[in-house]
Amino acid sequence: MPASIDRIKPIDRNHYPKPQTESVVQTRNSTTHYGWVAVLFHWLMAPAIIGMFALGWWMVGLSYYDPWYRQGPDIHKSVGILLLMLLAARLVWRWANVEPAPEPAPRWQQRAAGAAHGLIYGLLLVIFVSGYLISTADGRAIEVFNWFSVPATLHGLENQEDIAGSIHKWLAWALMGLVVLHGLAAFKHHFVNKDRTLIKMLGRAPRG
């Protein structure tokens, strides 16, 4: 047998790169992507918050004799309490995890995005607290789908329901404005900048 044939080495399949595919994210965040817990928080809360705004807008026009006159507010209050609990858990999870590195962009855009996220969280917190103050102004607890009740810890303040109601209403409109801007920015990143900003929050890790 020729010596040259003796020197032929077997093919090392590990030498060749594997096909690049999008992998499912892990539980915790990394510097490149969000973990599935953060993704789940986002996609549970986002449609629920938009739905809560739509429900609140619709139910203020109900007449006293409408069958939804009591049922609508009961649902609104119950979901609001659950969302407040989710928000608290989400903030704890955010604090306990790293944040994925932002996509390349001018510094002012990165700062504006960070400020917008912080403002959204702040608005949500004040909206939920003001809703609680509206619902407990008469001293009655909030029944959450008959699963548990949240007691009225602060009530009887002068014009509590009216003041909290005004705050709740206008901040809800401000939040929806930010949500629209947030969504438009995400689509811009995806279709114009063609980066991974939106893909990160859809539950996919980087290609590799």
N, C-alpha and C. Protein backbone atom coordinates (compact mmCIF):
# COMPACT_ATOMS: atom_id res chain seq x y z
N MET A 1 0.87 -1.19 0.00
CA MET A 1 0.00 0.00 0.00
C MET A 1 0.90 1.24 0.00
N PRO A 2 0.63 2.23 -0.82
CA PRO A 2 1.47 3.42 -0.86
C PRO A 2 1.48 4.13 0.49
N ALA A 3 2.65 4.73 0.80
CA ALA A 3 2.78 5.42 2.09
C ALA A 3 1.84 6.60 2.21
N SER A 4 1.52 7.23 1.06
CA SER A 4 0.64 8.41 1.11
C SER A 4 -0.73 8.05 1.61
N ILE A 5 -1.16 6.80 1.27
CA ILE A 5 -2.49 6.38 1.73
C ILE A 5 -2.47 6.14 3.22
N ASP A 6 -1.33 5.65 3.77
CA ASP A 6 -1.24 5.42 5.21
C ASP A 6 -1.40 6.70 6.01
N ARG A 7 -1.03 7.80 5.37
CA ARG A 7 -1.09 9.08 6.10
C ARG A 7 -2.46 9.74 6.07
N ILE A 8 -3.40 9.15 5.37
CA ILE A 8 -4.75 9.72 5.31
C ILE A 8 -5.42 9.57 6.67
N LYS A 9 -5.91 10.69 7.22
CA LYS A 9 -6.54 10.67 8.53
C LYS A 9 -8.05 10.58 8.39
N PRO A 10 -8.72 9.97 9.34
CA PRO A 10 -10.19 9.94 9.29
C PRO A 10 -10.78 11.34 9.41
N ILE A 11 -11.92 11.52 8.82
CA ILE A 11 -12.57 12.83 8.83
C ILE A 11 -13.02 13.17 10.24
N ASP A 12 -12.63 14.33 10.71
CA ASP A 12 -13.07 14.82 12.02
C ASP A 12 -14.32 15.67 11.82
N ARG A 13 -15.47 15.08 12.10
CA ARG A 13 -16.72 15.79 11.85
C ARG A 13 -16.89 17.01 12.75
N ASN A 14 -16.23 17.02 13.90
CA ASN A 14 -16.33 18.17 14.79
C ASN A 14 -15.57 19.39 14.25
N HIS A 15 -14.74 19.15 13.21
CA HIS A 15 -13.97 20.25 12.64
C HIS A 15 -14.86 21.22 11.88
N TYR A 16 -15.96 20.68 11.34
CA TYR A 16 -16.84 21.50 10.52
C TYR A 16 -17.92 22.14 11.38
N PRO A 17 -18.21 23.41 11.12
CA PRO A 17 -19.23 24.08 11.93
C PRO A 17 -20.61 23.49 11.73
N LYS A 18 -21.37 23.47 12.79
CA LYS A 18 -22.74 22.96 12.71
C LYS A 18 -23.63 24.01 12.07
N PRO A 19 -24.72 23.58 11.42
CA PRO A 19 -25.65 24.55 10.86
C PRO A 19 -26.15 25.51 11.94
N GLN A 20 -26.25 26.78 11.56
CA GLN A 20 -26.69 27.79 12.52
C GLN A 20 -28.20 27.76 12.64
N THR A 21 -28.68 27.63 13.84
CA THR A 21 -30.12 27.61 14.10
C THR A 21 -30.41 28.46 15.32
N GLU A 22 -31.63 28.95 15.41
CA GLU A 22 -32.06 29.71 16.58
C GLU A 22 -32.41 28.73 17.69
N SER A 23 -31.83 28.89 18.85
CA SER A 23 -32.09 27.98 19.96
C SER A 23 -33.04 28.61 20.97
N VAL A 24 -33.77 27.76 21.67
CA VAL A 24 -34.70 28.24 22.68
C VAL A 24 -33.91 28.77 23.88
N VAL A 25 -34.38 29.87 24.44
CA VAL A 25 -33.64 30.50 25.53
C VAL A 25 -33.73 29.68 26.81
N GLN A 26 -32.80 29.97 27.72
CA GLN A 26 -32.76 29.30 29.02
C GLN A 26 -33.61 30.07 30.03
N THR A 27 -33.61 29.59 31.27
CA THR A 27 -34.46 30.19 32.29
C THR A 27 -34.05 31.61 32.61
N ARG A 28 -32.76 31.82 32.84
CA ARG A 28 -32.26 33.13 33.25
C ARG A 28 -31.78 33.92 32.04
N ASN A 29 -31.73 35.25 32.23
CA ASN A 29 -31.19 36.11 31.18
C ASN A 29 -29.69 35.89 31.03
N SER A 30 -29.18 36.28 29.88
CA SER A 30 -27.74 36.33 29.67
C SER A 30 -27.42 37.69 29.05
N THR A 31 -26.18 37.93 28.74
CA THR A 31 -25.81 39.20 28.12
C THR A 31 -26.24 39.29 26.67
N THR A 32 -26.71 38.17 26.10
CA THR A 32 -27.11 38.15 24.69
C THR A 32 -28.62 38.00 24.47
N HIS A 33 -29.35 37.51 25.47
CA HIS A 33 -30.78 37.29 25.26
C HIS A 33 -31.52 37.21 26.60
N TYR A 34 -32.84 37.33 26.51
CA TYR A 34 -33.70 37.19 27.68
C TYR A 34 -33.99 35.71 27.93
N GLY A 35 -34.07 35.34 29.20
CA GLY A 35 -34.49 34.00 29.55
C GLY A 35 -36.00 33.85 29.40
N TRP A 36 -36.46 32.59 29.43
CA TRP A 36 -37.89 32.36 29.17
C TRP A 36 -38.78 32.93 30.27
N VAL A 37 -38.25 33.09 31.49
CA VAL A 37 -39.07 33.67 32.56
C VAL A 37 -39.38 35.14 32.24
N ALA A 38 -38.36 35.90 31.84
CA ALA A 38 -38.57 37.30 31.48
C ALA A 38 -39.49 37.42 30.27
N VAL A 39 -39.32 36.52 29.30
CA VAL A 39 -40.18 36.51 28.11
C VAL A 39 -41.64 36.24 28.52
N LEU A 40 -41.83 35.27 29.43
CA LEU A 40 -43.17 34.94 29.89
C LEU A 40 -43.80 36.11 30.62
N PHE A 41 -43.05 36.78 31.49
CA PHE A 41 -43.57 37.97 32.16
C PHE A 41 -44.05 39.00 31.14
N HIS A 42 -43.22 39.25 30.14
CA HIS A 42 -43.55 40.27 29.14
C HIS A 42 -44.84 39.95 28.40
N TRP A 43 -44.95 38.70 27.89
CA TRP A 43 -46.09 38.36 27.04
C TRP A 43 -47.34 37.98 27.83
N LEU A 44 -47.23 37.78 29.12
CA LEU A 44 -48.42 37.68 29.96
C LEU A 44 -48.97 39.07 30.27
N MET A 45 -48.07 39.99 30.58
CA MET A 45 -48.51 41.30 31.04
C MET A 45 -48.93 42.23 29.91
N ALA A 46 -48.20 42.21 28.80
CA ALA A 46 -48.47 43.18 27.73
C ALA A 46 -49.91 43.11 27.20
N PRO A 47 -50.40 41.94 26.74
CA PRO A 47 -51.79 41.91 26.27
C PRO A 47 -52.81 42.13 27.38
N ALA A 48 -52.48 41.69 28.61
CA ALA A 48 -53.41 41.89 29.72
C ALA A 48 -53.57 43.37 30.03
N ILE A 49 -52.49 44.13 29.99
CA ILE A 49 -52.54 45.57 30.28
C ILE A 49 -53.33 46.30 29.20
N ILE A 50 -53.09 45.94 27.94
CA ILE A 50 -53.86 46.56 26.85
C ILE A 50 -55.34 46.21 26.99
N GLY A 51 -55.62 44.95 27.32
CA GLY A 51 -57.01 44.53 27.53
C GLY A 51 -57.65 45.25 28.69
N MET A 52 -56.90 45.49 29.76
CA MET A 52 -57.42 46.22 30.91
C MET A 52 -57.78 47.66 30.54
N PHE A 53 -56.96 48.28 29.71
CA PHE A 53 -57.27 49.63 29.26
C PHE A 53 -58.56 49.64 28.44
N ALA A 54 -58.68 48.67 27.52
CA ALA A 54 -59.89 48.59 26.70
C ALA A 54 -61.13 48.33 27.57
N LEU A 55 -61.01 47.45 28.56
CA LEU A 55 -62.13 47.16 29.45
C LEU A 55 -62.51 48.40 30.26
N GLY A 56 -61.51 49.10 30.79
CA GLY A 56 -61.80 50.30 31.57
C GLY A 56 -62.46 51.38 30.74
N TRP A 57 -62.00 51.55 29.51
CA TRP A 57 -62.57 52.55 28.61
C TRP A 57 -64.02 52.20 28.28
N TRP A 58 -64.29 50.91 28.09
CA TRP A 58 -65.64 50.48 27.72
C TRP A 58 -66.60 50.55 28.90
N MET A 59 -66.14 50.16 30.07
CA MET A 59 -67.09 50.02 31.17
C MET A 59 -67.52 51.34 31.79
N VAL A 60 -66.77 52.44 31.55
CA VAL A 60 -67.20 53.72 32.12
C VAL A 60 -68.47 54.24 31.45
N GLY A 61 -68.78 53.69 30.28
CA GLY A 61 -70.00 54.11 29.59
C GLY A 61 -71.20 53.23 29.87
N LEU A 62 -71.06 52.24 30.75
CA LEU A 62 -72.17 51.34 31.04
C LEU A 62 -73.22 52.03 31.92
N SER A 63 -74.47 51.71 31.65
CA SER A 63 -75.55 52.24 32.48
C SER A 63 -75.72 51.39 33.73
N TYR A 64 -76.42 51.91 34.71
CA TYR A 64 -76.61 51.21 35.98
C TYR A 64 -77.29 49.87 35.79
N TYR A 65 -78.17 49.75 34.80
CA TYR A 65 -78.94 48.53 34.60
C TYR A 65 -78.27 47.54 33.64
N ASP A 66 -77.11 47.90 33.14
CA ASP A 66 -76.39 46.99 32.26
C ASP A 66 -75.87 45.81 33.09
N PRO A 67 -76.00 44.58 32.60
CA PRO A 67 -75.52 43.42 33.38
C PRO A 67 -74.02 43.45 33.65
N TRP A 68 -73.26 44.19 32.85
CA TRP A 68 -71.82 44.31 33.05
C TRP A 68 -71.45 45.46 33.98
N TYR A 69 -72.45 46.19 34.48
CA TYR A 69 -72.15 47.36 35.32
C TYR A 69 -71.35 46.97 36.56
N ARG A 70 -71.63 45.81 37.13
CA ARG A 70 -70.87 45.33 38.29
C ARG A 70 -69.81 44.29 37.90
N GLN A 71 -70.13 43.47 36.90
CA GLN A 71 -69.22 42.42 36.51
C GLN A 71 -67.93 42.98 35.90
N GLY A 72 -68.07 44.02 35.06
CA GLY A 72 -66.90 44.63 34.43
C GLY A 72 -65.90 45.16 35.45
N PRO A 73 -66.33 46.01 36.40
CA PRO A 73 -65.40 46.49 37.42
C PRO A 73 -64.81 45.37 38.28
N ASP A 74 -65.60 44.34 38.58
CA ASP A 74 -65.07 43.23 39.38
C ASP A 74 -63.90 42.55 38.65
N ILE A 75 -64.07 42.31 37.35
CA ILE A 75 -62.99 41.72 36.56
C ILE A 75 -61.79 42.66 36.50
N HIS A 76 -62.08 43.94 36.29
CA HIS A 76 -61.02 44.94 36.17
C HIS A 76 -60.18 44.99 37.45
N LYS A 77 -60.84 44.99 38.59
CA LYS A 77 -60.13 45.05 39.87
C LYS A 77 -59.34 43.77 40.14
N SER A 78 -59.96 42.63 39.84
CA SER A 78 -59.28 41.35 40.10
C SER A 78 -58.03 41.20 39.24
N VAL A 79 -58.16 41.48 37.95
CA VAL A 79 -57.01 41.38 37.06
C VAL A 79 -55.95 42.40 37.46
N GLY A 80 -56.39 43.58 37.90
CA GLY A 80 -55.45 44.60 38.32
C GLY A 80 -54.59 44.15 39.49
N ILE A 81 -55.19 43.49 40.46
CA ILE A 81 -54.42 42.98 41.60
C ILE A 81 -53.42 41.90 41.15
N LEU A 82 -53.87 41.01 40.27
CA LEU A 82 -52.97 39.96 39.77
C LEU A 82 -51.81 40.57 38.97
N LEU A 83 -52.10 41.61 38.21
CA LEU A 83 -51.04 42.27 37.45
C LEU A 83 -50.06 42.99 38.37
N LEU A 84 -50.57 43.56 39.45
CA LEU A 84 -49.67 44.19 40.43
C LEU A 84 -48.72 43.15 41.02
N MET A 85 -49.23 41.97 41.32
CA MET A 85 -48.38 40.90 41.85
C MET A 85 -47.36 40.46 40.80
N LEU A 86 -47.79 40.36 39.53
CA LEU A 86 -46.86 40.00 38.47
C LEU A 86 -45.79 41.07 38.28
N LEU A 87 -46.20 42.34 38.40
CA LEU A 87 -45.24 43.43 38.26
C LEU A 87 -44.17 43.35 39.35
N ALA A 88 -44.60 43.09 40.58
CA ALA A 88 -43.65 42.97 41.68
C ALA A 88 -42.67 41.82 41.43
N ALA A 89 -43.21 40.67 40.98
CA ALA A 89 -42.35 39.52 40.69
C ALA A 89 -41.41 39.83 39.53
N ARG A 90 -41.92 40.54 38.54
CA ARG A 90 -41.09 40.87 37.38
C ARG A 90 -39.94 41.80 37.76
N LEU A 91 -40.22 42.77 38.61
CA LEU A 91 -39.17 43.70 39.04
C LEU A 91 -38.10 42.97 39.86
N VAL A 92 -38.52 42.03 40.71
CA VAL A 92 -37.56 41.24 41.48
C VAL A 92 -36.70 40.41 40.55
N TRP A 93 -37.34 39.77 39.55
CA TRP A 93 -36.60 38.94 38.61
C TRP A 93 -35.63 39.80 37.78
N ARG A 94 -36.08 40.99 37.41
CA ARG A 94 -35.22 41.90 36.64
C ARG A 94 -34.00 42.30 37.47
N TRP A 95 -34.22 42.57 38.75
CA TRP A 95 -33.13 42.96 39.64
C TRP A 95 -32.13 41.82 39.84
N ALA A 96 -32.64 40.58 39.84
CA ALA A 96 -31.80 39.41 40.12
C ALA A 96 -31.09 38.86 38.89
N ASN A 97 -31.36 39.43 37.71
CA ASN A 97 -30.78 38.94 36.47
C ASN A 97 -29.99 40.02 35.76
N VAL A 98 -29.07 39.58 34.90
CA VAL A 98 -28.37 40.54 34.05
C VAL A 98 -29.32 41.00 32.95
N GLU A 99 -29.02 42.15 32.37
CA GLU A 99 -29.78 42.65 31.23
C GLU A 99 -29.01 42.35 29.95
N PRO A 100 -29.66 41.83 28.93
CA PRO A 100 -28.96 41.62 27.66
C PRO A 100 -28.37 42.93 27.14
N ALA A 101 -27.20 42.84 26.54
CA ALA A 101 -26.56 44.04 25.99
C ALA A 101 -27.43 44.62 24.87
N PRO A 102 -27.59 45.94 24.83
CA PRO A 102 -28.41 46.53 23.77
C PRO A 102 -27.76 46.37 22.40
N GLU A 103 -28.57 46.41 21.38
CA GLU A 103 -28.05 46.37 20.02
C GLU A 103 -27.31 47.68 19.73
N PRO A 104 -26.35 47.65 18.81
CA PRO A 104 -25.61 48.88 18.48
C PRO A 104 -26.55 50.00 18.07
N ALA A 105 -26.41 51.14 18.74
CA ALA A 105 -27.25 52.30 18.48
C ALA A 105 -26.59 53.52 19.10
N PRO A 106 -26.96 54.72 18.64
CA PRO A 106 -26.43 55.92 19.28
C PRO A 106 -26.71 55.93 20.77
N ARG A 107 -25.82 56.53 21.54
CA ARG A 107 -25.97 56.54 22.99
C ARG A 107 -27.31 57.15 23.42
N TRP A 108 -27.75 58.21 22.75
CA TRP A 108 -28.99 58.87 23.16
C TRP A 108 -30.19 57.95 22.98
N GLN A 109 -30.15 57.09 21.94
CA GLN A 109 -31.25 56.14 21.74
C GLN A 109 -31.26 55.08 22.84
N GLN A 110 -30.09 54.61 23.24
CA GLN A 110 -30.02 53.64 24.32
C GLN A 110 -30.52 54.23 25.63
N ARG A 111 -30.15 55.48 25.89
CA ARG A 111 -30.61 56.14 27.11
C ARG A 111 -32.11 56.38 27.07
N ALA A 112 -32.62 56.77 25.89
CA ALA A 112 -34.06 57.00 25.76
C ALA A 112 -34.84 55.71 25.96
N ALA A 113 -34.31 54.60 25.42
CA ALA A 113 -34.98 53.31 25.59
C ALA A 113 -35.00 52.91 27.06
N GLY A 114 -33.88 53.09 27.76
CA GLY A 114 -33.84 52.77 29.18
C GLY A 114 -34.79 53.63 30.00
N ALA A 115 -34.85 54.92 29.65
CA ALA A 115 -35.77 55.83 30.36
C ALA A 115 -37.22 55.44 30.10
N ALA A 116 -37.53 55.03 28.86
CA ALA A 116 -38.90 54.63 28.52
C ALA A 116 -39.30 53.39 29.30
N HIS A 117 -38.40 52.41 29.41
CA HIS A 117 -38.70 51.21 30.18
C HIS A 117 -38.96 51.56 31.65
N GLY A 118 -38.08 52.40 32.21
CA GLY A 118 -38.28 52.81 33.60
C GLY A 118 -39.59 53.54 33.80
N LEU A 119 -39.96 54.40 32.83
CA LEU A 119 -41.21 55.15 32.94
C LEU A 119 -42.42 54.23 32.84
N ILE A 120 -42.33 53.21 31.99
CA ILE A 120 -43.43 52.25 31.88
C ILE A 120 -43.65 51.54 33.21
N TYR A 121 -42.56 51.07 33.82
CA TYR A 121 -42.68 50.41 35.12
C TYR A 121 -43.26 51.36 36.17
N GLY A 122 -42.78 52.61 36.18
CA GLY A 122 -43.28 53.58 37.15
C GLY A 122 -44.75 53.88 36.95
N LEU A 123 -45.17 54.07 35.70
CA LEU A 123 -46.58 54.32 35.41
C LEU A 123 -47.45 53.14 35.84
N LEU A 124 -47.00 51.93 35.53
CA LEU A 124 -47.77 50.75 35.92
C LEU A 124 -47.97 50.71 37.43
N LEU A 125 -46.91 50.98 38.18
CA LEU A 125 -47.01 50.92 39.64
C LEU A 125 -48.01 51.95 40.16
N VAL A 126 -47.93 53.19 39.67
CA VAL A 126 -48.85 54.23 40.15
C VAL A 126 -50.28 53.93 39.70
N ILE A 127 -50.45 53.41 38.50
CA ILE A 127 -51.79 53.07 38.01
C ILE A 127 -52.42 51.98 38.88
N PHE A 128 -51.65 50.96 39.20
CA PHE A 128 -52.18 49.87 40.03
C PHE A 128 -52.50 50.37 41.44
N VAL A 129 -51.64 51.18 42.01
CA VAL A 129 -51.88 51.70 43.37
C VAL A 129 -53.09 52.62 43.38
N SER A 130 -53.20 53.49 42.37
CA SER A 130 -54.36 54.38 42.32
C SER A 130 -55.65 53.60 42.11
N GLY A 131 -55.58 52.52 41.32
CA GLY A 131 -56.77 51.67 41.16
C GLY A 131 -57.17 51.02 42.47
N TYR A 132 -56.18 50.60 43.24
CA TYR A 132 -56.45 50.04 44.57
C TYR A 132 -57.12 51.08 45.46
N LEU A 133 -56.64 52.33 45.41
CA LEU A 133 -57.22 53.38 46.25
C LEU A 133 -58.64 53.74 45.82
N ILE A 134 -58.93 53.63 44.54
CA ILE A 134 -60.31 53.85 44.07
C ILE A 134 -61.22 52.77 44.64
N SER A 135 -60.78 51.54 44.49
CA SER A 135 -61.63 50.39 44.86
C SER A 135 -61.85 50.25 46.35
N THR A 136 -60.92 50.75 47.16
CA THR A 136 -61.02 50.57 48.62
C THR A 136 -61.37 51.88 49.33
N ALA A 137 -61.77 52.90 48.55
CA ALA A 137 -62.08 54.19 49.17
C ALA A 137 -63.22 54.10 50.18
N ASP A 138 -64.15 53.14 49.97
CA ASP A 138 -65.28 52.98 50.90
C ASP A 138 -64.97 52.01 52.04
N GLY A 139 -63.73 51.54 52.12
CA GLY A 139 -63.33 50.66 53.21
C GLY A 139 -63.55 49.19 52.95
N ARG A 140 -64.08 48.84 51.79
CA ARG A 140 -64.32 47.43 51.48
C ARG A 140 -63.10 46.81 50.82
N ALA A 141 -62.88 45.52 51.12
CA ALA A 141 -61.76 44.80 50.53
C ALA A 141 -62.05 44.49 49.05
N ILE A 142 -61.01 44.18 48.31
CA ILE A 142 -61.14 43.77 46.91
C ILE A 142 -61.16 42.25 46.85
N GLU A 143 -62.23 41.71 46.31
CA GLU A 143 -62.32 40.26 46.12
C GLU A 143 -61.73 39.90 44.77
N VAL A 144 -60.71 39.08 44.78
CA VAL A 144 -60.01 38.72 43.54
C VAL A 144 -60.54 37.38 43.05
N PHE A 145 -61.53 37.45 42.16
CA PHE A 145 -62.16 36.26 41.58
C PHE A 145 -62.61 35.25 42.65
N ASN A 146 -62.94 35.73 43.82
CA ASN A 146 -63.33 34.87 44.94
C ASN A 146 -62.25 33.88 45.35
N TRP A 147 -61.00 34.16 44.95
CA TRP A 147 -59.87 33.32 45.37
C TRP A 147 -59.32 33.80 46.70
N PHE A 148 -59.19 35.11 46.82
CA PHE A 148 -58.69 35.73 48.04
C PHE A 148 -59.11 37.20 48.03
N SER A 149 -58.96 37.87 49.14
CA SER A 149 -59.34 39.28 49.21
C SER A 149 -58.14 40.12 49.64
N VAL A 150 -58.13 41.36 49.16
CA VAL A 150 -57.08 42.32 49.52
C VAL A 150 -57.73 43.39 50.39
N PRO A 151 -57.33 43.52 51.64
CA PRO A 151 -58.00 44.46 52.55
C PRO A 151 -57.76 45.92 52.18
N ALA A 152 -58.67 46.76 52.63
CA ALA A 152 -58.53 48.20 52.44
C ALA A 152 -57.66 48.75 53.57
N THR A 153 -56.40 49.01 53.25
CA THR A 153 -55.47 49.48 54.29
C THR A 153 -55.45 51.00 54.41
N LEU A 154 -55.89 51.69 53.36
CA LEU A 154 -55.90 53.15 53.38
C LEU A 154 -57.21 53.62 52.76
N HIS A 155 -58.08 54.18 53.56
CA HIS A 155 -59.38 54.61 53.04
C HIS A 155 -59.92 55.75 53.90
N GLY A 156 -60.97 56.35 53.41
CA GLY A 156 -61.60 57.44 54.15
C GLY A 156 -60.94 58.79 53.97
N LEU A 157 -59.95 58.89 53.07
CA LEU A 157 -59.31 60.18 52.81
C LEU A 157 -60.26 61.08 52.03
N GLU A 158 -60.13 62.38 52.22
CA GLU A 158 -61.03 63.32 51.55
C GLU A 158 -60.85 63.22 50.03
N ASN A 159 -61.95 63.03 49.32
CA ASN A 159 -61.97 62.93 47.86
C ASN A 159 -61.02 61.83 47.34
N GLN A 160 -60.84 60.80 48.11
CA GLN A 160 -59.89 59.75 47.73
C GLN A 160 -60.26 59.12 46.39
N GLU A 161 -61.51 58.77 46.22
CA GLU A 161 -61.93 58.09 44.99
C GLU A 161 -61.77 59.00 43.78
N ASP A 162 -62.15 60.29 43.92
CA ASP A 162 -62.07 61.21 42.79
C ASP A 162 -60.63 61.51 42.39
N ILE A 163 -59.79 61.78 43.39
CA ILE A 163 -58.39 62.11 43.09
C ILE A 163 -57.67 60.90 42.50
N ALA A 164 -57.85 59.75 43.15
CA ALA A 164 -57.21 58.54 42.63
C ALA A 164 -57.76 58.18 41.25
N GLY A 165 -59.05 58.45 41.03
CA GLY A 165 -59.66 58.16 39.73
C GLY A 165 -59.06 59.01 38.62
N SER A 166 -58.82 60.30 38.89
CA SER A 166 -58.21 61.16 37.88
C SER A 166 -56.79 60.72 37.56
N ILE A 167 -56.03 60.39 38.60
CA ILE A 167 -54.66 59.90 38.39
C ILE A 167 -54.67 58.62 37.56
N HIS A 168 -55.56 57.71 37.92
CA HIS A 168 -55.68 56.42 37.25
C HIS A 168 -56.00 56.61 35.76
N LYS A 169 -56.93 57.48 35.49
CA LYS A 169 -57.38 57.70 34.11
C LYS A 169 -56.28 58.29 33.23
N TRP A 170 -55.69 59.39 33.68
CA TRP A 170 -54.74 60.09 32.81
C TRP A 170 -53.41 59.35 32.67
N LEU A 171 -53.00 58.68 33.72
CA LEU A 171 -51.77 57.90 33.61
C LEU A 171 -51.98 56.66 32.73
N ALA A 172 -53.20 56.14 32.72
CA ALA A 172 -53.50 55.02 31.83
C ALA A 172 -53.37 55.45 30.36
N TRP A 173 -53.86 56.65 30.05
CA TRP A 173 -53.70 57.17 28.69
C TRP A 173 -52.23 57.40 28.35
N ALA A 174 -51.48 57.95 29.32
CA ALA A 174 -50.05 58.16 29.09
C ALA A 174 -49.34 56.83 28.86
N LEU A 175 -49.73 55.81 29.61
CA LEU A 175 -49.12 54.48 29.45
C LEU A 175 -49.39 53.93 28.06
N MET A 176 -50.62 54.07 27.59
CA MET A 176 -50.95 53.56 26.26
C MET A 176 -50.15 54.28 25.18
N GLY A 177 -49.91 55.58 25.37
CA GLY A 177 -49.06 56.30 24.42
C GLY A 177 -47.66 55.73 24.39
N LEU A 178 -47.11 55.43 25.57
CA LEU A 178 -45.78 54.83 25.64
C LEU A 178 -45.76 53.43 25.04
N VAL A 179 -46.83 52.68 25.27
CA VAL A 179 -46.90 51.32 24.71
C VAL A 179 -46.88 51.37 23.18
N VAL A 180 -47.60 52.32 22.61
CA VAL A 180 -47.59 52.47 21.14
C VAL A 180 -46.19 52.80 20.65
N LEU A 181 -45.53 53.75 21.31
CA LEU A 181 -44.17 54.12 20.92
C LEU A 181 -43.22 52.93 21.07
N HIS A 182 -43.40 52.18 22.16
CA HIS A 182 -42.57 51.00 22.42
C HIS A 182 -42.73 49.97 21.30
N GLY A 183 -43.96 49.74 20.89
CA GLY A 183 -44.22 48.79 19.81
C GLY A 183 -43.66 49.26 18.48
N LEU A 184 -43.83 50.56 18.18
CA LEU A 184 -43.28 51.10 16.93
C LEU A 184 -41.76 51.00 16.91
N ALA A 185 -41.14 51.27 18.06
CA ALA A 185 -39.68 51.17 18.14
C ALA A 185 -39.22 49.74 17.91
N ALA A 186 -39.96 48.78 18.47
CA ALA A 186 -39.59 47.37 18.28
C ALA A 186 -39.68 46.98 16.81
N PHE A 187 -40.73 47.43 16.11
CA PHE A 187 -40.87 47.12 14.69
C PHE A 187 -39.79 47.82 13.87
N LYS A 188 -39.42 49.04 14.26
CA LYS A 188 -38.34 49.75 13.56
C LYS A 188 -37.03 48.96 13.66
N HIS A 189 -36.74 48.49 14.88
CA HIS A 189 -35.52 47.70 15.06
C HIS A 189 -35.54 46.46 14.18
N HIS A 190 -36.71 45.84 14.06
CA HIS A 190 -36.80 44.56 13.34
C HIS A 190 -36.78 44.75 11.83
N PHE A 191 -37.56 45.72 11.32
CA PHE A 191 -37.72 45.84 9.88
C PHE A 191 -36.79 46.88 9.24
N VAL A 192 -36.37 47.88 9.99
CA VAL A 192 -35.51 48.93 9.44
C VAL A 192 -34.05 48.67 9.81
N ASN A 193 -33.79 48.58 11.12
CA ASN A 193 -32.42 48.31 11.56
C ASN A 193 -32.00 46.86 11.35
N LYS A 194 -33.01 45.96 11.29
CA LYS A 194 -32.77 44.53 11.10
C LYS A 194 -31.82 43.96 12.16
N ASP A 195 -32.05 44.35 13.41
CA ASP A 195 -31.26 43.78 14.49
C ASP A 195 -32.13 42.80 15.29
N ARG A 196 -31.64 42.36 16.45
CA ARG A 196 -32.29 41.29 17.19
C ARG A 196 -33.11 41.79 18.39
N THR A 197 -33.42 43.07 18.44
CA THR A 197 -34.13 43.62 19.59
C THR A 197 -35.46 42.91 19.81
N LEU A 198 -36.25 42.78 18.76
CA LEU A 198 -37.56 42.12 18.89
C LEU A 198 -37.40 40.61 19.06
N ILE A 199 -36.45 40.00 18.35
CA ILE A 199 -36.24 38.56 18.43
C ILE A 199 -35.91 38.14 19.86
N LYS A 200 -35.14 38.97 20.58
CA LYS A 200 -34.78 38.64 21.95
C LYS A 200 -36.01 38.41 22.81
N MET A 201 -37.03 39.26 22.63
CA MET A 201 -38.22 39.16 23.47
C MET A 201 -39.24 38.18 22.90
N LEU A 202 -38.94 37.55 21.77
CA LEU A 202 -39.81 36.51 21.24
C LEU A 202 -39.35 35.12 21.67
N GLY A 203 -38.30 35.07 22.48
CA GLY A 203 -37.89 33.80 23.07
C GLY A 203 -36.85 33.03 22.31
N ARG A 204 -35.96 33.74 21.59
CA ARG A 204 -34.92 33.06 20.82
C ARG A 204 -33.55 33.56 21.23
N ALA A 205 -32.61 32.63 21.37
CA ALA A 205 -31.23 32.96 21.69
C ALA A 205 -30.48 33.26 20.38
N PRO A 206 -29.31 33.83 20.46
CA PRO A 206 -28.55 34.16 19.24
C PRO A 206 -28.20 32.91 18.44
N ARG A 207 -28.01 33.09 17.16
CA ARG A 207 -27.54 31.99 16.32
C ARG A 207 -26.12 31.63 16.71
N GLY A 208 -25.81 30.35 16.63
CA GLY A 208 -24.45 29.96 16.93
C GLY A 208 -24.26 28.46 16.84
